[in-house]
Amino acid sequence: MHRHEGPPRRKFIGCAATAMLLGMAVAAYGIAEFDERPPWGTDIAYEGGYLQAVRIRQYDLTGERTRALLAGECAAMERRGMGGDRSVHDPAAWVTGCLDGAAGRPSSNQGILP
């Protein structure tokens, strides 16, 4: 039987080191560019506010809580920190999503194309 040895060891180590350095360069660029905020942070914030308002609207039997959200409670919730980690990325988008969810409008992030 003939054994296949693969690429020479020196060539393999050189290619693996190059690939590792390229991967580290891409990771360093991503960290430098976006810091700790993901590139889609605005979408995350909007959807967080939207989902919270939709849940409140679904459990609101009398409609009082929904009217309060539309009257400014969304912004007050965000100021009090009730938006959680998602609202940190873009507080204005979180409030916009909250207002859309409270009003019963469809999410602006739905669909294939933005």
N, C-alpha and C. Protein backbone atom coordinates (compact mmCIF):
# COMPACT_ATOMS: atom_id res chain seq x y z
N MET A 1 0.83 -1.18 0.00
CA MET A 1 0.00 0.00 0.00
C MET A 1 0.88 1.25 0.00
N HIS A 2 0.40 2.26 -0.73
CA HIS A 2 1.16 3.50 -0.79
C HIS A 2 0.51 4.53 0.13
N ARG A 3 1.27 5.12 0.99
CA ARG A 3 0.77 6.08 1.97
C ARG A 3 0.90 7.50 1.42
N HIS A 4 -0.20 8.27 1.48
CA HIS A 4 -0.16 9.66 1.04
C HIS A 4 0.30 10.51 2.22
N GLU A 5 1.34 11.26 2.03
CA GLU A 5 1.92 12.03 3.12
C GLU A 5 1.36 13.43 3.25
N GLY A 6 0.66 13.92 2.26
CA GLY A 6 0.13 15.28 2.31
C GLY A 6 1.20 16.30 1.98
N PRO A 7 0.91 17.58 2.24
CA PRO A 7 1.88 18.62 1.92
C PRO A 7 3.09 18.55 2.85
N PRO A 8 4.19 19.07 2.40
CA PRO A 8 5.36 19.09 3.29
C PRO A 8 5.04 19.87 4.57
N ARG A 9 5.66 19.46 5.65
CA ARG A 9 5.39 20.05 6.95
C ARG A 9 5.65 21.55 6.96
N ARG A 10 6.72 22.00 6.34
CA ARG A 10 7.07 23.42 6.31
C ARG A 10 5.99 24.23 5.59
N LYS A 11 5.49 23.72 4.49
CA LYS A 11 4.45 24.42 3.73
C LYS A 11 3.14 24.46 4.53
N PHE A 12 2.79 23.36 5.18
CA PHE A 12 1.57 23.29 5.98
C PHE A 12 1.61 24.29 7.13
N ILE A 13 2.72 24.33 7.85
CA ILE A 13 2.85 25.26 8.99
C ILE A 13 2.80 26.70 8.51
N GLY A 14 3.42 26.98 7.38
CA GLY A 14 3.39 28.35 6.83
C GLY A 14 1.98 28.77 6.44
N CYS A 15 1.22 27.88 5.79
CA CYS A 15 -0.17 28.20 5.42
C CYS A 15 -1.06 28.35 6.65
N ALA A 16 -0.88 27.48 7.63
CA ALA A 16 -1.69 27.58 8.84
C ALA A 16 -1.40 28.87 9.60
N ALA A 17 -0.13 29.26 9.68
CA ALA A 17 0.23 30.51 10.37
C ALA A 17 -0.34 31.72 9.62
N THR A 18 -0.28 31.69 8.29
CA THR A 18 -0.84 32.79 7.50
C THR A 18 -2.34 32.90 7.70
N ALA A 19 -3.04 31.77 7.68
CA ALA A 19 -4.48 31.79 7.89
C ALA A 19 -4.83 32.30 9.29
N MET A 20 -4.06 31.91 10.28
CA MET A 20 -4.31 32.36 11.64
C MET A 20 -4.08 33.88 11.77
N LEU A 21 -3.02 34.38 11.16
CA LEU A 21 -2.76 35.82 11.20
C LEU A 21 -3.84 36.61 10.47
N LEU A 22 -4.31 36.08 9.35
CA LEU A 22 -5.38 36.75 8.61
C LEU A 22 -6.66 36.78 9.45
N GLY A 23 -6.97 35.68 10.11
CA GLY A 23 -8.15 35.64 10.98
C GLY A 23 -8.04 36.61 12.14
N MET A 24 -6.86 36.71 12.72
CA MET A 24 -6.66 37.65 13.83
C MET A 24 -6.77 39.09 13.35
N ALA A 25 -6.30 39.37 12.13
CA ALA A 25 -6.40 40.73 11.58
C ALA A 25 -7.86 41.11 11.35
N VAL A 26 -8.66 40.18 10.83
CA VAL A 26 -10.09 40.45 10.62
C VAL A 26 -10.79 40.68 11.96
N ALA A 27 -10.47 39.88 12.96
CA ALA A 27 -11.07 40.05 14.29
C ALA A 27 -10.67 41.39 14.90
N ALA A 28 -9.41 41.77 14.76
CA ALA A 28 -8.94 43.05 15.31
C ALA A 28 -9.64 44.22 14.64
N TYR A 29 -9.83 44.12 13.32
CA TYR A 29 -10.54 45.18 12.61
C TYR A 29 -11.99 45.29 13.09
N GLY A 30 -12.66 44.15 13.24
CA GLY A 30 -14.04 44.17 13.72
C GLY A 30 -14.17 44.76 15.11
N ILE A 31 -13.25 44.42 15.99
CA ILE A 31 -13.28 44.96 17.35
C ILE A 31 -13.00 46.46 17.33
N ALA A 32 -12.03 46.89 16.52
CA ALA A 32 -11.70 48.32 16.44
C ALA A 32 -12.84 49.13 15.83
N GLU A 33 -13.50 48.56 14.84
CA GLU A 33 -14.56 49.29 14.13
C GLU A 33 -15.83 49.41 14.96
N PHE A 34 -16.26 48.32 15.58
CA PHE A 34 -17.55 48.29 16.25
C PHE A 34 -17.44 48.33 17.77
N ASP A 35 -16.26 48.26 18.32
CA ASP A 35 -16.02 48.23 19.75
C ASP A 35 -16.88 47.14 20.36
N GLU A 36 -17.77 47.45 21.28
CA GLU A 36 -18.61 46.41 21.86
C GLU A 36 -20.03 46.47 21.34
N ARG A 37 -20.27 47.28 20.32
CA ARG A 37 -21.60 47.41 19.75
C ARG A 37 -21.66 46.61 18.46
N PRO A 38 -22.62 45.70 18.32
CA PRO A 38 -22.70 44.94 17.08
C PRO A 38 -23.12 45.84 15.93
N PRO A 39 -22.75 45.52 14.69
CA PRO A 39 -23.10 46.38 13.56
C PRO A 39 -24.60 46.49 13.33
N TRP A 40 -25.38 45.57 13.81
CA TRP A 40 -26.84 45.61 13.66
C TRP A 40 -27.52 46.01 14.97
N GLY A 41 -26.85 46.80 15.77
CA GLY A 41 -27.36 47.20 17.08
C GLY A 41 -28.67 47.97 17.03
N THR A 42 -28.86 48.78 15.98
CA THR A 42 -30.11 49.54 15.84
C THR A 42 -31.28 48.59 15.65
N ASP A 43 -31.10 47.55 14.85
CA ASP A 43 -32.16 46.56 14.65
C ASP A 43 -32.47 45.82 15.95
N ILE A 44 -31.43 45.50 16.70
CA ILE A 44 -31.62 44.80 17.97
C ILE A 44 -32.43 45.67 18.93
N ALA A 45 -32.08 46.95 19.01
CA ALA A 45 -32.79 47.86 19.91
C ALA A 45 -34.25 48.02 19.48
N TYR A 46 -34.50 48.20 18.18
CA TYR A 46 -35.87 48.37 17.69
C TYR A 46 -36.72 47.15 18.03
N GLU A 47 -36.20 45.97 17.71
CA GLU A 47 -36.96 44.75 17.95
C GLU A 47 -37.20 44.52 19.44
N GLY A 48 -36.22 44.89 20.29
CA GLY A 48 -36.42 44.75 21.72
C GLY A 48 -37.58 45.59 22.22
N GLY A 49 -37.65 46.85 21.79
CA GLY A 49 -38.77 47.71 22.17
C GLY A 49 -40.09 47.24 21.59
N TYR A 50 -40.05 46.79 20.34
CA TYR A 50 -41.25 46.31 19.67
C TYR A 50 -41.85 45.10 20.41
N LEU A 51 -40.99 44.13 20.72
CA LEU A 51 -41.48 42.92 21.38
C LEU A 51 -42.02 43.20 22.78
N GLN A 52 -41.35 44.09 23.49
CA GLN A 52 -41.84 44.41 24.84
C GLN A 52 -43.22 45.06 24.77
N ALA A 53 -43.42 45.98 23.84
CA ALA A 53 -44.71 46.65 23.72
C ALA A 53 -45.79 45.69 23.25
N VAL A 54 -45.46 44.78 22.35
CA VAL A 54 -46.44 43.80 21.87
C VAL A 54 -46.87 42.89 23.02
N ARG A 55 -45.93 42.48 23.84
CA ARG A 55 -46.29 41.64 24.99
C ARG A 55 -47.19 42.38 25.98
N ILE A 56 -46.85 43.64 26.23
CA ILE A 56 -47.70 44.44 27.13
C ILE A 56 -49.08 44.59 26.53
N ARG A 57 -49.15 44.85 25.25
CA ARG A 57 -50.44 45.04 24.56
C ARG A 57 -51.28 43.76 24.61
N GLN A 58 -50.64 42.60 24.47
CA GLN A 58 -51.38 41.34 24.48
C GLN A 58 -51.98 41.03 25.85
N TYR A 59 -51.30 41.41 26.91
CA TYR A 59 -51.79 41.10 28.25
C TYR A 59 -52.63 42.23 28.85
N ASP A 60 -52.81 43.31 28.13
CA ASP A 60 -53.56 44.46 28.62
C ASP A 60 -55.03 44.28 28.26
N LEU A 61 -55.83 43.85 29.22
CA LEU A 61 -57.24 43.57 28.96
C LEU A 61 -58.09 44.84 28.89
N THR A 62 -57.71 45.85 29.65
CA THR A 62 -58.53 47.06 29.71
C THR A 62 -58.08 48.12 28.69
N GLY A 63 -56.86 48.05 28.22
CA GLY A 63 -56.36 49.03 27.27
C GLY A 63 -55.66 50.21 27.93
N GLU A 64 -55.67 50.25 29.26
CA GLU A 64 -55.03 51.36 29.97
C GLU A 64 -53.53 51.40 29.74
N ARG A 65 -52.91 50.25 29.83
CA ARG A 65 -51.45 50.19 29.69
C ARG A 65 -51.01 50.56 28.27
N THR A 66 -51.78 50.14 27.28
CA THR A 66 -51.46 50.47 25.89
C THR A 66 -51.58 51.98 25.66
N ARG A 67 -52.63 52.59 26.19
CA ARG A 67 -52.77 54.05 26.06
C ARG A 67 -51.62 54.77 26.76
N ALA A 68 -51.18 54.23 27.90
CA ALA A 68 -50.06 54.84 28.62
C ALA A 68 -48.77 54.74 27.80
N LEU A 69 -48.56 53.59 27.13
CA LEU A 69 -47.37 53.45 26.28
C LEU A 69 -47.37 54.49 25.17
N LEU A 70 -48.50 54.69 24.55
CA LEU A 70 -48.59 55.66 23.45
C LEU A 70 -48.48 57.10 23.94
N ALA A 71 -48.82 57.33 25.21
CA ALA A 71 -48.79 58.69 25.77
C ALA A 71 -47.42 59.06 26.34
N GLY A 72 -46.43 58.20 26.19
CA GLY A 72 -45.10 58.56 26.66
C GLY A 72 -44.45 57.57 27.60
N GLU A 73 -45.15 56.50 27.92
CA GLU A 73 -44.60 55.51 28.84
C GLU A 73 -43.41 54.77 28.23
N CYS A 74 -43.37 54.66 26.89
CA CYS A 74 -42.23 53.98 26.24
C CYS A 74 -40.93 54.72 26.56
N ALA A 75 -40.94 56.03 26.40
CA ALA A 75 -39.73 56.81 26.68
C ALA A 75 -39.40 56.76 28.17
N ALA A 76 -40.42 56.79 29.01
CA ALA A 76 -40.18 56.73 30.45
C ALA A 76 -39.59 55.36 30.85
N MET A 77 -40.07 54.31 30.23
CA MET A 77 -39.53 52.97 30.51
C MET A 77 -38.06 52.89 30.12
N GLU A 78 -37.72 53.47 28.99
CA GLU A 78 -36.33 53.44 28.53
C GLU A 78 -35.44 54.24 29.48
N ARG A 79 -35.92 55.39 29.93
CA ARG A 79 -35.15 56.21 30.87
C ARG A 79 -34.92 55.50 32.20
N ARG A 80 -35.91 54.72 32.64
CA ARG A 80 -35.78 53.98 33.89
C ARG A 80 -34.94 52.72 33.75
N GLY A 81 -34.53 52.40 32.53
CA GLY A 81 -33.69 51.23 32.31
C GLY A 81 -34.47 49.95 32.10
N MET A 82 -35.75 50.04 31.83
CA MET A 82 -36.56 48.85 31.64
C MET A 82 -36.39 48.24 30.25
N GLY A 83 -35.63 48.92 29.40
CA GLY A 83 -35.38 48.38 28.06
C GLY A 83 -34.35 47.28 28.06
N GLY A 84 -33.60 47.18 29.13
CA GLY A 84 -32.62 46.11 29.24
C GLY A 84 -31.39 46.33 28.37
N ASP A 85 -30.69 45.25 28.12
CA ASP A 85 -29.45 45.32 27.34
C ASP A 85 -29.69 45.72 25.90
N ARG A 86 -30.85 45.45 25.38
CA ARG A 86 -31.11 45.76 23.97
C ARG A 86 -31.24 47.26 23.72
N SER A 87 -31.78 47.99 24.66
CA SER A 87 -31.98 49.42 24.42
C SER A 87 -30.68 50.21 24.49
N VAL A 88 -29.65 49.60 25.04
CA VAL A 88 -28.37 50.30 25.18
C VAL A 88 -27.76 50.63 23.82
N HIS A 89 -28.00 49.77 22.83
CA HIS A 89 -27.40 49.96 21.51
C HIS A 89 -27.91 51.23 20.83
N ASP A 90 -29.20 51.50 20.94
CA ASP A 90 -29.79 52.69 20.32
C ASP A 90 -31.11 53.01 21.03
N PRO A 91 -31.08 53.86 22.07
CA PRO A 91 -32.30 54.12 22.84
C PRO A 91 -33.44 54.69 22.01
N ALA A 92 -33.14 55.55 21.04
CA ALA A 92 -34.21 56.13 20.22
C ALA A 92 -34.90 55.05 19.39
N ALA A 93 -34.15 54.10 18.86
CA ALA A 93 -34.75 53.01 18.09
C ALA A 93 -35.60 52.12 18.99
N TRP A 94 -35.16 51.93 20.24
CA TRP A 94 -35.96 51.14 21.17
C TRP A 94 -37.31 51.80 21.41
N VAL A 95 -37.31 53.10 21.63
CA VAL A 95 -38.57 53.83 21.87
C VAL A 95 -39.45 53.77 20.62
N THR A 96 -38.86 53.92 19.43
CA THR A 96 -39.63 53.84 18.19
C THR A 96 -40.27 52.47 18.05
N GLY A 97 -39.51 51.41 18.33
CA GLY A 97 -40.07 50.06 18.28
C GLY A 97 -41.18 49.87 19.29
N CYS A 98 -41.00 50.43 20.47
CA CYS A 98 -42.02 50.33 21.51
C CYS A 98 -43.32 51.02 21.05
N LEU A 99 -43.19 52.18 20.48
CA LEU A 99 -44.38 52.90 20.00
C LEU A 99 -45.06 52.16 18.86
N ASP A 100 -44.28 51.57 17.95
CA ASP A 100 -44.87 50.80 16.85
C ASP A 100 -45.61 49.57 17.38
N GLY A 101 -45.01 48.88 18.34
CA GLY A 101 -45.66 47.71 18.92
C GLY A 101 -46.92 48.07 19.69
N ALA A 102 -46.88 49.19 20.42
CA ALA A 102 -48.06 49.61 21.19
C ALA A 102 -49.19 50.05 20.28
N ALA A 103 -48.84 50.63 19.13
CA ALA A 103 -49.87 51.09 18.19
C ALA A 103 -50.43 49.96 17.35
N GLY A 104 -49.80 48.78 17.40
CA GLY A 104 -50.29 47.66 16.62
C GLY A 104 -49.77 47.64 15.19
N ARG A 105 -48.81 48.48 14.89
CA ARG A 105 -48.24 48.49 13.54
C ARG A 105 -47.30 47.30 13.38
N PRO A 106 -47.11 46.83 12.16
CA PRO A 106 -46.14 45.75 11.95
C PRO A 106 -44.72 46.27 12.14
N SER A 107 -43.82 45.39 12.50
CA SER A 107 -42.43 45.76 12.72
C SER A 107 -41.84 46.28 11.42
N SER A 108 -41.07 47.35 11.51
CA SER A 108 -40.44 47.90 10.30
C SER A 108 -39.28 47.05 9.82
N ASN A 109 -38.83 46.09 10.64
CA ASN A 109 -37.72 45.22 10.26
C ASN A 109 -38.16 43.92 9.62
N GLN A 110 -39.45 43.76 9.38
CA GLN A 110 -39.92 42.53 8.76
C GLN A 110 -39.73 42.61 7.26
N GLY A 111 -39.47 41.50 6.66
CA GLY A 111 -39.30 41.44 5.22
C GLY A 111 -37.91 40.98 4.85
N ILE A 112 -37.71 40.71 3.58
CA ILE A 112 -36.43 40.22 3.11
C ILE A 112 -35.44 41.36 2.93
N LEU A 113 -35.88 42.45 2.36
CA LEU A 113 -35.00 43.59 2.12
C LEU A 113 -35.29 44.70 3.11
N PRO A 114 -34.24 45.41 3.52
CA PRO A 114 -34.47 46.51 4.50
C PRO A 114 -35.21 47.68 3.89
